Amino acid sequence: MFERILFPTDFSVFANTVFACLPELRSAGVREVVLLHVIATTDVPLPETLNRESMAWVKMRAEEELHIQRMALEGQGLRVYTRIEYGNVVNCIIDVAVDEHVSMIVLGAQGKSLMRAFC
């Protein structure tokens, strides 16, 4: 039924709470999870203000967080793919959902972005 799901995350408490429930979705047929983090244009405004250091830092932190989440889900027997996108959060989520042919999007409430959480 829901073999492949998309989990967009901003690594907030809200997202992490939902993330903890993802392995339970195996009973609904989930076998694959696409983990997505969107670097919002409001957090690192490019190309208007070329801020390569900030972008590199945010992307590195996101890669680290996604790697931890990936390992946790793979340990629960799920196949996991990760993606980092830059742009409008809503548009990126929709584009990735279509591109990845997911059957469901699972997400929590919006929290702080990585940039805002560390500032």
PDB file of N, CA and C in Angstrom:
ATOM      1  N   MET A   1       0.816  -1.188   0.000  1.00  0.00           N
ATOM      2  CA  MET A   1       0.000   0.000   0.000  1.00  0.00           C
ATOM      3  C   MET A   1       0.871   1.267   0.000  1.00  0.00           C
ATOM      4  N   PHE A   2       1.631   1.497   1.051  1.00  0.00           N
ATOM      5  CA  PHE A   2       2.516   2.661   1.146  1.00  0.00           C
ATOM      6  C   PHE A   2       3.955   2.186   1.195  1.00  0.00           C
ATOM      7  N   GLU A   3       4.453   1.639   0.095  1.00  0.00           N
ATOM      8  CA  GLU A   3       5.800   1.065   0.103  1.00  0.00           C
ATOM      9  C   GLU A   3       6.904   2.092   0.222  1.00  0.00           C
ATOM     10  N   ARG A   4       6.734   3.253  -0.388  1.00  0.00           N
ATOM     11  CA  ARG A   4       7.797   4.268  -0.442  1.00  0.00           C
ATOM     12  C   ARG A   4       7.242   5.594   0.073  1.00  0.00           C
ATOM     13  N   ILE A   5       7.834   6.116   1.156  1.00  0.00           N
ATOM     14  CA  ILE A   5       7.349   7.360   1.718  1.00  0.00           C
ATOM     15  C   ILE A   5       8.434   8.435   1.701  1.00  0.00           C
ATOM     16  N   LEU A   6       7.985   9.668   1.737  1.00  0.00           N
ATOM     17  CA  LEU A   6       8.879  10.816   1.819  1.00  0.00           C
ATOM     18  C   LEU A   6       8.753  11.404   3.210  1.00  0.00           C
ATOM     19  N   PHE A   7       9.896  11.608   3.848  1.00  0.00           N
ATOM     20  CA  PHE A   7       9.914  12.247   5.159  1.00  0.00           C
ATOM     21  C   PHE A   7      10.757  13.517   5.086  1.00  0.00           C
ATOM     22  N   PRO A   8      10.095  14.672   4.870  1.00  0.00           N
ATOM     23  CA  PRO A   8      10.824  15.936   4.900  1.00  0.00           C
ATOM     24  C   PRO A   8      11.097  16.303   6.359  1.00  0.00           C
ATOM     25  N   THR A   9      12.308  16.711   6.656  1.00  0.00           N
ATOM     26  CA  THR A   9      12.647  17.032   8.036  1.00  0.00           C
ATOM     27  C   THR A   9      13.442  18.321   8.133  1.00  0.00           C
ATOM     28  N   ASP A  10      13.153  19.069   9.195  1.00  0.00           N
ATOM     29  CA  ASP A  10      13.957  20.243   9.522  1.00  0.00           C
ATOM     30  C   ASP A  10      14.765  19.959  10.789  1.00  0.00           C
ATOM     31  N   PHE A  11      14.749  18.696  11.241  1.00  0.00           N
ATOM     32  CA  PHE A  11      15.492  18.221  12.410  1.00  0.00           C
ATOM     33  C   PHE A  11      15.017  18.865  13.703  1.00  0.00           C
ATOM     34  N   SER A  12      13.808  19.386  13.722  1.00  0.00           N
ATOM     35  CA  SER A  12      13.248  19.995  14.926  1.00  0.00           C
ATOM     36  C   SER A  12      12.710  18.901  15.846  1.00  0.00           C
ATOM     37  N   VAL A  13      12.320  19.304  17.040  1.00  0.00           N
ATOM     38  CA  VAL A  13      11.711  18.372  17.993  1.00  0.00           C
ATOM     39  C   VAL A  13      10.468  17.746  17.383  1.00  0.00           C
ATOM     40  N   PHE A  14       9.690  18.555  16.662  1.00  0.00           N
ATOM     41  CA  PHE A  14       8.462  18.045  16.038  1.00  0.00           C
ATOM     42  C   PHE A  14       8.787  16.963  15.008  1.00  0.00           C
ATOM     43  N   ALA A  15       9.758  17.253  14.154  1.00  0.00           N
ATOM     44  CA  ALA A  15      10.152  16.290  13.120  1.00  0.00           C
ATOM     45  C   ALA A  15      10.744  15.035  13.748  1.00  0.00           C
ATOM     46  N   ASN A  16      11.561  15.199  14.772  1.00  0.00           N
ATOM     47  CA  ASN A  16      12.195  14.040  15.415  1.00  0.00           C
ATOM     48  C   ASN A  16      11.167  13.140  16.093  1.00  0.00           C
ATOM     49  N   THR A  17      10.093  13.722  16.606  1.00  0.00           N
ATOM     50  CA  THR A  17       9.028  12.926  17.217  1.00  0.00           C
ATOM     51  C   THR A  17       8.355  12.045  16.174  1.00  0.00           C
ATOM     52  N   VAL A  18       8.074  12.617  15.012  1.00  0.00           N
ATOM     53  CA  VAL A  18       7.463  11.842  13.930  1.00  0.00           C
ATOM     54  C   VAL A  18       8.464  10.809  13.405  1.00  0.00           C
ATOM     55  N   PHE A  19       9.721  11.214  13.277  1.00  0.00           N
ATOM     56  CA  PHE A  19      10.771  10.306  12.792  1.00  0.00           C
ATOM     57  C   PHE A  19      10.814   9.031  13.623  1.00  0.00           C
ATOM     58  N   ALA A  20      10.674   9.164  14.928  1.00  0.00           N
ATOM     59  CA  ALA A  20      10.738   7.996  15.815  1.00  0.00           C
ATOM     60  C   ALA A  20       9.636   6.981  15.514  1.00  0.00           C
ATOM     61  N   CYS A  21       8.565   7.427  14.890  1.00  0.00           N
ATOM     62  CA  CYS A  21       7.440   6.537  14.571  1.00  0.00           C
ATOM     63  C   CYS A  21       7.573   5.858  13.207  1.00  0.00           C
ATOM     64  N   LEU A  22       8.510   6.293  12.385  1.00  0.00           N
ATOM     65  CA  LEU A  22       8.601   5.753  11.022  1.00  0.00           C
ATOM     66  C   LEU A  22       8.768   4.230  10.967  1.00  0.00           C
ATOM     67  N   PRO A  23       9.601   3.628  11.823  1.00  0.00           N
ATOM     68  CA  PRO A  23       9.715   2.161  11.736  1.00  0.00           C
ATOM     69  C   PRO A  23       8.392   1.425  11.953  1.00  0.00           C
ATOM     70  N   GLU A  24       7.482   2.039  12.696  1.00  0.00           N
ATOM     71  CA  GLU A  24       6.175   1.411  12.934  1.00  0.00           C
ATOM     72  C   GLU A  24       5.343   1.334  11.655  1.00  0.00           C
ATOM     73  N   LEU A  25       5.674   2.158  10.666  1.00  0.00           N
ATOM     74  CA  LEU A  25       4.935   2.147   9.405  1.00  0.00           C
ATOM     75  C   LEU A  25       5.232   0.916   8.556  1.00  0.00           C
ATOM     76  N   ARG A  26       6.211   0.137   8.966  1.00  0.00           N
ATOM     77  CA  ARG A  26       6.490  -1.117   8.234  1.00  0.00           C
ATOM     78  C   ARG A  26       5.259  -2.006   8.222  1.00  0.00           C
ATOM     79  N   SER A  27       4.478  -1.963   9.299  1.00  0.00           N
ATOM     80  CA  SER A  27       3.271  -2.794   9.356  1.00  0.00           C
ATOM     81  C   SER A  27       2.224  -2.354   8.324  1.00  0.00           C
ATOM     82  N   ALA A  28       2.348  -1.124   7.803  1.00  0.00           N
ATOM     83  CA  ALA A  28       1.450  -0.636   6.745  1.00  0.00           C
ATOM     84  C   ALA A  28       2.054  -0.869   5.369  1.00  0.00           C
ATOM     85  N   GLY A  29       3.194  -1.561   5.314  1.00  0.00           N
ATOM     86  CA  GLY A  29       3.801  -1.895   4.036  1.00  0.00           C
ATOM     87  C   GLY A  29       4.987  -1.040   3.646  1.00  0.00           C
ATOM     88  N   VAL A  30       5.370  -0.077   4.479  1.00  0.00           N
ATOM     89  CA  VAL A  30       6.495   0.792   4.135  1.00  0.00           C
ATOM     90  C   VAL A  30       7.788  -0.021   4.108  1.00  0.00           C
ATOM     91  N   ARG A  31       8.509   0.110   3.004  1.00  0.00           N
ATOM     92  CA  ARG A  31       9.786  -0.579   2.835  1.00  0.00           C
ATOM     93  C   ARG A  31      10.922   0.395   2.560  1.00  0.00           C
ATOM     94  N   GLU A  32      10.571   1.567   1.990  1.00  0.00           N
ATOM     95  CA  GLU A  32      11.584   2.553   1.618  1.00  0.00           C
ATOM     96  C   GLU A  32      11.183   3.930   2.126  1.00  0.00           C
ATOM     97  N   VAL A  33      12.199   4.666   2.589  1.00  0.00           N
ATOM     98  CA  VAL A  33      11.984   6.019   3.084  1.00  0.00           C
ATOM     99  C   VAL A  33      12.954   6.957   2.370  1.00  0.00           C
ATOM    100  N   VAL A  34      12.420   8.046   1.861  1.00  0.00           N
ATOM    101  CA  VAL A  34      13.263   9.102   1.302  1.00  0.00           C
ATOM    102  C   VAL A  34      13.305  10.209   2.351  1.00  0.00           C
ATOM    103  N   LEU A  35      14.475  10.429   2.918  1.00  0.00           N
ATOM    104  CA  LEU A  35      14.676  11.510   3.883  1.00  0.00           C
ATOM    105  C   LEU A  35      15.059  12.764   3.115  1.00  0.00           C
ATOM    106  N   LEU A  36      14.373  13.846   3.369  1.00  0.00           N
ATOM    107  CA  LEU A  36      14.605  15.090   2.644  1.00  0.00           C
ATOM    108  C   LEU A  36      14.814  16.232   3.621  1.00  0.00           C
ATOM    109  N   HIS A  37      15.856  17.010   3.387  1.00  0.00           N
ATOM    110  CA  HIS A  37      16.017  18.277   4.090  1.00  0.00           C
ATOM    111  C   HIS A  37      16.090  19.371   3.040  1.00  0.00           C
ATOM    112  N   VAL A  38      15.288  20.406   3.236  1.00  0.00           N
ATOM    113  CA  VAL A  38      15.291  21.536   2.314  1.00  0.00           C
ATOM    114  C   VAL A  38      15.973  22.716   3.002  1.00  0.00           C
ATOM    115  N   ILE A  39      17.014  23.214   2.376  1.00  0.00           N
ATOM    116  CA  ILE A  39      17.652  24.441   2.842  1.00  0.00           C
ATOM    117  C   ILE A  39      16.834  25.580   2.248  1.00  0.00           C
ATOM    118  N   ALA A  40      16.129  26.268   3.109  1.00  0.00           N
ATOM    119  CA  ALA A  40      15.199  27.297   2.651  1.00  0.00           C
ATOM    120  C   ALA A  40      15.933  28.531   2.146  1.00  0.00           C
ATOM    121  N   THR A  41      15.386  29.116   1.115  1.00  0.00           N
ATOM    122  CA  THR A  41      15.984  30.327   0.552  1.00  0.00           C
ATOM    123  C   THR A  41      16.008  31.453   1.573  1.00  0.00           C
ATOM    124  N   THR A  42      15.131  31.412   2.570  1.00  0.00           N
ATOM    125  CA  THR A  42      15.123  32.444   3.603  1.00  0.00           C
ATOM    126  C   THR A  42      16.261  32.265   4.599  1.00  0.00           C
ATOM    127  N   ASP A  43      16.812  31.052   4.686  1.00  0.00           N
ATOM    128  CA  ASP A  43      17.915  30.785   5.615  1.00  0.00           C
ATOM    129  C   ASP A  43      19.270  31.140   5.020  1.00  0.00           C
ATOM    130  N   VAL A  44      19.462  30.789   3.770  1.00  0.00           N
ATOM    131  CA  VAL A  44      20.715  31.083   3.072  1.00  0.00           C
ATOM    132  C   VAL A  44      20.339  31.674   1.725  1.00  0.00           C
ATOM    133  N   PRO A  45      20.165  32.987   1.672  1.00  0.00           N
ATOM    134  CA  PRO A  45      19.702  33.609   0.430  1.00  0.00           C
ATOM    135  C   PRO A  45      20.771  33.616  -0.659  1.00  0.00           C
ATOM    136  N   LEU A  46      20.558  32.779  -1.664  1.00  0.00           N
ATOM    137  CA  LEU A  46      21.454  32.693  -2.817  1.00  0.00           C
ATOM    138  C   LEU A  46      20.603  32.834  -4.062  1.00  0.00           C
ATOM    139  N   PRO A  47      21.048  33.322  -5.140  1.00  0.00           N
ATOM    140  CA  PRO A  47      22.341  33.969  -5.376  1.00  0.00           C
ATOM    141  C   PRO A  47      22.351  35.452  -5.028  1.00  0.00           C
ATOM    142  N   GLU A  48      21.194  35.994  -4.552  1.00  0.00           N
ATOM    143  CA  GLU A  48      21.137  37.417  -4.262  1.00  0.00           C
ATOM    144  C   GLU A  48      22.307  37.844  -3.368  1.00  0.00           C
ATOM    145  N   THR A  49      22.509  37.141  -2.279  1.00  0.00           N
ATOM    146  CA  THR A  49      23.630  37.392  -1.390  1.00  0.00           C
ATOM    147  C   THR A  49      24.458  36.125  -1.425  1.00  0.00           C
ATOM    148  N   LEU A  50      25.510  36.130  -2.174  1.00  0.00           N
ATOM    149  CA  LEU A  50      26.306  34.924  -2.334  1.00  0.00           C
ATOM    150  C   LEU A  50      26.999  34.604  -1.023  1.00  0.00           C
ATOM    151  N   ASN A  51      26.549  33.584  -0.366  1.00  0.00           N
ATOM    152  CA  ASN A  51      27.020  33.253   0.965  1.00  0.00           C
ATOM    153  C   ASN A  51      27.426  31.782   0.979  1.00  0.00           C
ATOM    154  N   ARG A  52      28.493  31.488   0.283  1.00  0.00           N
ATOM    155  CA  ARG A  52      28.922  30.093   0.116  1.00  0.00           C
ATOM    156  C   ARG A  52      29.308  29.424   1.430  1.00  0.00           C
ATOM    157  N   GLU A  53      29.924  30.154   2.354  1.00  0.00           N
ATOM    158  CA  GLU A  53      30.329  29.551   3.632  1.00  0.00           C
ATOM    159  C   GLU A  53      29.117  29.095   4.423  1.00  0.00           C
ATOM    160  N   SER A  54      28.111  29.937   4.500  1.00  0.00           N
ATOM    161  CA  SER A  54      26.902  29.570   5.233  1.00  0.00           C
ATOM    162  C   SER A  54      26.225  28.376   4.581  1.00  0.00           C
ATOM    163  N   MET A  55      26.136  28.392   3.265  1.00  0.00           N
ATOM    164  CA  MET A  55      25.506  27.289   2.544  1.00  0.00           C
ATOM    165  C   MET A  55      26.270  25.992   2.780  1.00  0.00           C
ATOM    166  N   ALA A  56      27.581  26.038   2.711  1.00  0.00           N
ATOM    167  CA  ALA A  56      28.399  24.839   2.928  1.00  0.00           C
ATOM    168  C   ALA A  56      28.210  24.313   4.340  1.00  0.00           C
ATOM    169  N   TRP A  57      28.158  25.212   5.303  1.00  0.00           N
ATOM    170  CA  TRP A  57      27.998  24.798   6.703  1.00  0.00           C
ATOM    171  C   TRP A  57      26.637  24.153   6.923  1.00  0.00           C
ATOM    172  N   VAL A  58      25.581  24.792   6.420  1.00  0.00           N
ATOM    173  CA  VAL A  58      24.229  24.253   6.592  1.00  0.00           C
ATOM    174  C   VAL A  58      24.114  22.894   5.892  1.00  0.00           C
ATOM    175  N   LYS A  59      24.678  22.787   4.708  1.00  0.00           N
ATOM    176  CA  LYS A  59      24.612  21.518   3.971  1.00  0.00           C
ATOM    177  C   LYS A  59      25.385  20.415   4.705  1.00  0.00           C
ATOM    178  N   MET A  60      26.546  20.751   5.260  1.00  0.00           N
ATOM    179  CA  MET A  60      27.326  19.767   6.001  1.00  0.00           C
ATOM    180  C   MET A  60      26.558  19.274   7.231  1.00  0.00           C
ATOM    181  N   ARG A  61      25.939  20.191   7.966  1.00  0.00           N
ATOM    182  CA  ARG A  61      25.152  19.812   9.154  1.00  0.00           C
ATOM    183  C   ARG A  61      23.966  18.935   8.745  1.00  0.00           C
ATOM    184  N   ALA A  62      23.328  19.290   7.645  1.00  0.00           N
ATOM    185  CA  ALA A  62      22.190  18.496   7.178  1.00  0.00           C
ATOM    186  C   ALA A  62      22.638  17.095   6.780  1.00  0.00           C
ATOM    187  N   GLU A  63      23.767  16.986   6.101  1.00  0.00           N
ATOM    188  CA  GLU A  63      24.296  15.673   5.716  1.00  0.00           C
ATOM    189  C   GLU A  63      24.573  14.824   6.945  1.00  0.00           C
ATOM    190  N   GLU A  64      25.143  15.423   7.981  1.00  0.00           N
ATOM    191  CA  GLU A  64      25.422  14.693   9.222  1.00  0.00           C
ATOM    192  C   GLU A  64      24.133  14.181   9.860  1.00  0.00           C
ATOM    193  N   GLU A  65      23.148  15.062   9.955  1.00  0.00           N
ATOM    194  CA  GLU A  65      21.870  14.679  10.561  1.00  0.00           C
ATOM    195  C   GLU A  65      21.160  13.599   9.747  1.00  0.00           C
ATOM    196  N   LEU A  66      21.155  13.742   8.438  1.00  0.00           N
ATOM    197  CA  LEU A  66      20.516  12.737   7.581  1.00  0.00           C
ATOM    198  C   LEU A  66      21.229  11.395   7.678  1.00  0.00           C
ATOM    199  N   HIS A  67      22.543  11.419   7.803  1.00  0.00           N
ATOM    200  CA  HIS A  67      23.308  10.174   7.944  1.00  0.00           C
ATOM    201  C   HIS A  67      22.907   9.442   9.227  1.00  0.00           C
ATOM    202  N   ILE A  68      22.771  10.175  10.313  1.00  0.00           N
ATOM    203  CA  ILE A  68      22.355   9.566  11.584  1.00  0.00           C
ATOM    204  C   ILE A  68      20.964   8.957  11.448  1.00  0.00           C
ATOM    205  N   GLN A  69      20.062   9.699  10.830  1.00  0.00           N
ATOM    206  CA  GLN A  69      18.703   9.186  10.649  1.00  0.00           C
ATOM    207  C   GLN A  69      18.687   7.979   9.719  1.00  0.00           C
ATOM    208  N   ARG A  70      19.483   8.047   8.686  1.00  0.00           N
ATOM    209  CA  ARG A  70      19.544   6.930   7.740  1.00  0.00           C
ATOM    210  C   ARG A  70      19.999   5.655   8.441  1.00  0.00           C
ATOM    211  N   MET A  71      21.051   5.760   9.221  1.00  0.00           N
ATOM    212  CA  MET A  71      21.574   4.588   9.928  1.00  0.00           C
ATOM    213  C   MET A  71      20.526   4.014  10.885  1.00  0.00           C
ATOM    214  N   ALA A  72      19.788   4.885  11.559  1.00  0.00           N
ATOM    215  CA  ALA A  72      18.756   4.429  12.491  1.00  0.00           C
ATOM    216  C   ALA A  72      17.656   3.652  11.770  1.00  0.00           C
ATOM    217  N   LEU A  73      17.213   4.160  10.632  1.00  0.00           N
ATOM    218  CA  LEU A  73      16.149   3.479   9.896  1.00  0.00           C
ATOM    219  C   LEU A  73      16.632   2.193   9.226  1.00  0.00           C
ATOM    220  N   GLU A  74      17.846   2.231   8.694  1.00  0.00           N
ATOM    221  CA  GLU A  74      18.389   1.009   8.095  1.00  0.00           C
ATOM    222  C   GLU A  74      18.543  -0.078   9.147  1.00  0.00           C
ATOM    223  N   GLY A  75      18.852   0.312  10.370  1.00  0.00           N
ATOM    224  CA  GLY A  75      18.932  -0.653  11.470  1.00  0.00           C
ATOM    225  C   GLY A  75      17.589  -1.282  11.804  1.00  0.00           C
ATOM    226  N   GLN A  76      16.516  -0.641  11.349  1.00  0.00           N
ATOM    227  CA  GLN A  76      15.160  -1.166  11.549  1.00  0.00           C
ATOM    228  C   GLN A  76      14.653  -1.925  10.318  1.00  0.00           C
ATOM    229  N   GLY A  77      15.548  -2.134   9.365  1.00  0.00           N
ATOM    230  CA  GLY A  77      15.186  -2.924   8.196  1.00  0.00           C
ATOM    231  C   GLY A  77      14.572  -2.150   7.040  1.00  0.00           C
ATOM    232  N   LEU A  78      14.661  -0.841   7.055  1.00  0.00           N
ATOM    233  CA  LEU A  78      14.118  -0.039   5.961  1.00  0.00           C
ATOM    234  C   LEU A  78      15.227   0.348   4.988  1.00  0.00           C
ATOM    235  N   ARG A  79      14.887   0.476   3.727  1.00  0.00           N
ATOM    236  CA  ARG A  79      15.817   0.997   2.725  1.00  0.00           C
ATOM    237  C   ARG A  79      15.649   2.522   2.737  1.00  0.00           C
ATOM    238  N   VAL A  80      16.767   3.243   2.786  1.00  0.00           N
ATOM    239  CA  VAL A  80      16.702   4.684   2.972  1.00  0.00           C
ATOM    240  C   VAL A  80      17.509   5.420   1.906  1.00  0.00           C
ATOM    241  N   TYR A  81      16.917   6.494   1.395  1.00  0.00           N
ATOM    242  CA  TYR A  81      17.580   7.388   0.455  1.00  0.00           C
ATOM    243  C   TYR A  81      17.550   8.783   1.071  1.00  0.00           C
ATOM    244  N   THR A  82      18.578   9.580   0.820  1.00  0.00           N
ATOM    245  CA  THR A  82      18.608  10.928   1.372  1.00  0.00           C
ATOM    246  C   THR A  82      18.754  11.951   0.261  1.00  0.00           C
ATOM    247  N   ARG A  83      18.138  13.105   0.496  1.00  0.00           N
ATOM    248  CA  ARG A  83      18.244  14.215  -0.461  1.00  0.00           C
ATOM    249  C   ARG A  83      18.304  15.530   0.303  1.00  0.00           C
ATOM    250  N   ILE A  84      19.097  16.439  -0.226  1.00  0.00           N
ATOM    251  CA  ILE A  84      19.139  17.810   0.268  1.00  0.00           C
ATOM    252  C   ILE A  84      18.836  18.699  -0.918  1.00  0.00           C
ATOM    253  N   GLU A  85      17.864  19.574  -0.739  1.00  0.00           N
ATOM    254  CA  GLU A  85      17.468  20.491  -1.796  1.00  0.00           C
ATOM    255  C   GLU A  85      17.566  21.913  -1.268  1.00  0.00           C
ATOM    256  N   TYR A  86      17.610  22.872  -2.184  1.00  0.00           N
ATOM    257  CA  TYR A  86      17.651  24.285  -1.839  1.00  0.00           C
ATOM    258  C   TYR A  86      16.521  24.994  -2.556  1.00  0.00           C
ATOM    259  N   GLY A  87      15.726  25.737  -1.802  1.00  0.00           N
ATOM    260  CA  GLY A  87      14.648  26.486  -2.440  1.00  0.00           C
ATOM    261  C   GLY A  87      13.477  26.703  -1.516  1.00  0.00           C
ATOM    262  N   ASN A  88      12.319  26.916  -2.118  1.00  0.00           N
ATOM    263  CA  ASN A  88      11.075  27.058  -1.375  1.00  0.00           C
ATOM    264  C   ASN A  88      10.708  25.692  -0.804  1.00  0.00           C
ATOM    265  N   VAL A  89      10.495  25.629   0.498  1.00  0.00           N
ATOM    266  CA  VAL A  89      10.295  24.339   1.171  1.00  0.00           C
ATOM    267  C   VAL A  89       9.123  23.563   0.583  1.00  0.00           C
ATOM    268  N   VAL A  90       7.984  24.201   0.462  1.00  0.00           N
ATOM    269  CA  VAL A  90       6.786  23.514  -0.041  1.00  0.00           C
ATOM    270  C   VAL A  90       7.006  23.009  -1.458  1.00  0.00           C
ATOM    271  N   ASN A  91       7.531  23.862  -2.317  1.00  0.00           N
ATOM    272  CA  ASN A  91       7.766  23.451  -3.707  1.00  0.00           C
ATOM    273  C   ASN A  91       8.756  22.299  -3.796  1.00  0.00           C
ATOM    274  N   CYS A  92       9.812  22.352  -2.987  1.00  0.00           N
ATOM    275  CA  CYS A  92      10.809  21.267  -3.008  1.00  0.00           C
ATOM    276  C   CYS A  92      10.206  19.953  -2.547  1.00  0.00           C
ATOM    277  N   ILE A  93       9.384  19.999  -1.504  1.00  0.00           N
ATOM    278  CA  ILE A  93       8.748  18.770  -1.010  1.00  0.00           C
ATOM    279  C   ILE A  93       7.881  18.156  -2.104  1.00  0.00           C
ATOM    280  N   ILE A  94       7.089  18.972  -2.754  1.00  0.00           N
ATOM    281  CA  ILE A  94       6.212  18.471  -3.822  1.00  0.00           C
ATOM    282  C   ILE A  94       7.040  17.928  -4.984  1.00  0.00           C
ATOM    283  N   ASP A  95       8.056  18.662  -5.401  1.00  0.00           N
ATOM    284  CA  ASP A  95       8.901  18.217  -6.513  1.00  0.00           C
ATOM    285  C   ASP A  95       9.582  16.894  -6.214  1.00  0.00           C
ATOM    286  N   VAL A  96      10.104  16.753  -4.998  1.00  0.00           N
ATOM    287  CA  VAL A  96      10.783  15.507  -4.623  1.00  0.00           C
ATOM    288  C   VAL A  96       9.781  14.360  -4.528  1.00  0.00           C
ATOM    289  N   ALA A  97       8.604  14.624  -4.009  1.00  0.00           N
ATOM    290  CA  ALA A  97       7.579  13.580  -3.916  1.00  0.00           C
ATOM    291  C   ALA A  97       7.243  13.030  -5.300  1.00  0.00           C
ATOM    292  N   VAL A  98       7.110  13.908  -6.262  1.00  0.00           N
ATOM    293  CA  VAL A  98       6.815  13.489  -7.643  1.00  0.00           C
ATOM    294  C   VAL A  98       8.021  12.758  -8.229  1.00  0.00           C
ATOM    295  N   ASP A  99       9.203  13.346  -8.072  1.00  0.00           N
ATOM    296  CA  ASP A  99      10.431  12.779  -8.626  1.00  0.00           C
ATOM    297  C   ASP A  99      10.738  11.394  -8.070  1.00  0.00           C
ATOM    298  N   GLU A 100      10.470  11.199  -6.793  1.00  0.00           N
ATOM    299  CA  GLU A 100      10.786   9.930  -6.130  1.00  0.00           C
ATOM    300  C   GLU A 100       9.638   8.921  -6.168  1.00  0.00           C
ATOM    301  N   HIS A 101       8.509   9.307  -6.732  1.00  0.00           N
ATOM    302  CA  HIS A 101       7.345   8.413  -6.856  1.00  0.00           C
ATOM    303  C   HIS A 101       6.942   7.829  -5.509  1.00  0.00           C
ATOM    304  N   VAL A 102       6.788   8.701  -4.514  1.00  0.00           N
ATOM    305  CA  VAL A 102       6.397   8.228  -3.190  1.00  0.00           C
ATOM    306  C   VAL A 102       4.892   8.053  -3.126  1.00  0.00           C
ATOM    307  N   SER A 103       4.448   7.175  -2.234  1.00  0.00           N
ATOM    308  CA  SER A 103       3.023   6.956  -2.074  1.00  0.00           C
ATOM    309  C   SER A 103       2.435   7.769  -0.935  1.00  0.00           C
ATOM    310  N   MET A 104       3.313   8.354  -0.100  1.00  0.00           N
ATOM    311  CA  MET A 104       2.821   9.140   1.022  1.00  0.00           C
ATOM    312  C   MET A 104       3.930  10.077   1.499  1.00  0.00           C
ATOM    313  N   ILE A 105       3.520  11.251   1.981  1.00  0.00           N
ATOM    314  CA  ILE A 105       4.437  12.195   2.608  1.00  0.00           C
ATOM    315  C   ILE A 105       4.098  12.211   4.093  1.00  0.00           C
ATOM    316  N   VAL A 106       5.109  12.006   4.919  1.00  0.00           N
ATOM    317  CA  VAL A 106       4.929  11.997   6.374  1.00  0.00           C
ATOM    318  C   VAL A 106       5.750  13.131   6.945  1.00  0.00           C
ATOM    319  N   LEU A 107       5.093  14.041   7.670  1.00  0.00           N
ATOM    320  CA  LEU A 107       5.845  15.148   8.256  1.00  0.00           C
ATOM    321  C   LEU A 107       5.189  15.635   9.529  1.00  0.00           C
ATOM    322  N   GLY A 108       5.987  16.318  10.337  1.00  0.00           N
ATOM    323  CA  GLY A 108       5.489  16.907  11.579  1.00  0.00           C
ATOM    324  C   GLY A 108       5.267  18.395  11.385  1.00  0.00           C
ATOM    325  N   ALA A 109       5.047  19.085  12.471  1.00  0.00           N
ATOM    326  CA  ALA A 109       4.902  20.540  12.423  1.00  0.00           C
ATOM    327  C   ALA A 109       6.238  21.178  12.080  1.00  0.00           C
ATOM    328  N   GLN A 110       6.198  22.379  11.533  1.00  0.00           N
ATOM    329  CA  GLN A 110       7.433  23.070  11.175  1.00  0.00           C
ATOM    330  C   GLN A 110       8.092  23.621  12.423  1.00  0.00           C
ATOM    331  N   GLY A 111       9.381  23.336  12.546  1.00  0.00           N
ATOM    332  CA  GLY A 111      10.148  23.871  13.666  1.00  0.00           C
ATOM    333  C   GLY A 111      11.160  24.879  13.150  1.00  0.00           C
ATOM    334  N   LYS A 112      12.262  25.007  13.845  1.00  0.00           N
ATOM    335  CA  LYS A 112      13.319  25.912  13.407  1.00  0.00           C
ATOM    336  C   LYS A 112      14.199  25.208  12.405  1.00  0.00           C
ATOM    337  N   SER A 113      14.712  25.951  11.449  1.00  0.00           N
ATOM    338  CA  SER A 113      15.645  25.394  10.491  1.00  0.00           C
ATOM    339  C   SER A 113      16.999  25.208  11.164  1.00  0.00           C
ATOM    340  N   LEU A 114      17.904  24.481  10.524  1.00  0.00           N
ATOM    341  CA  LEU A 114      19.241  24.307  11.085  1.00  0.00           C
ATOM    342  C   LEU A 114      19.927  25.655  11.316  1.00  0.00           C
ATOM    343  N   MET A 115      19.789  26.556  10.372  1.00  0.00           N
ATOM    344  CA  MET A 115      20.439  27.855  10.495  1.00  0.00           C
ATOM    345  C   MET A 115      19.898  28.616  11.693  1.00  0.00           C
ATOM    346  N   ARG A 116      18.593  28.623  11.842  1.00  0.00           N
ATOM    347  CA  ARG A 116      17.993  29.366  12.963  1.00  0.00           C
ATOM    348  C   ARG A 116      18.237  28.678  14.294  1.00  0.00           C
ATOM    349  N   ALA A 117      18.304  27.348  14.300  1.00  0.00           N
ATOM    350  CA  ALA A 117      18.515  26.628  15.548  1.00  0.00           C
ATOM    351  C   ALA A 117      19.896  26.880  16.130  1.00  0.00           C
ATOM    352  N   PHE A 118      20.865  27.122  15.285  1.00  0.00           N
ATOM    353  CA  PHE A 118      22.226  27.313  15.765  1.00  0.00           C
ATOM    354  C   PHE A 118      22.626  28.770  15.898  1.00  0.00           C
ATOM    355  N   CYS A 119      21.755  29.687  15.522  1.00  0.00           N
ATOM    356  CA  CYS A 119      22.061  31.126  15.632  1.00  0.00           C
ATOM    357  C   CYS A 119      21.544  31.695  16.928  1.00  0.00           C
TER     358      CYS A 119
END
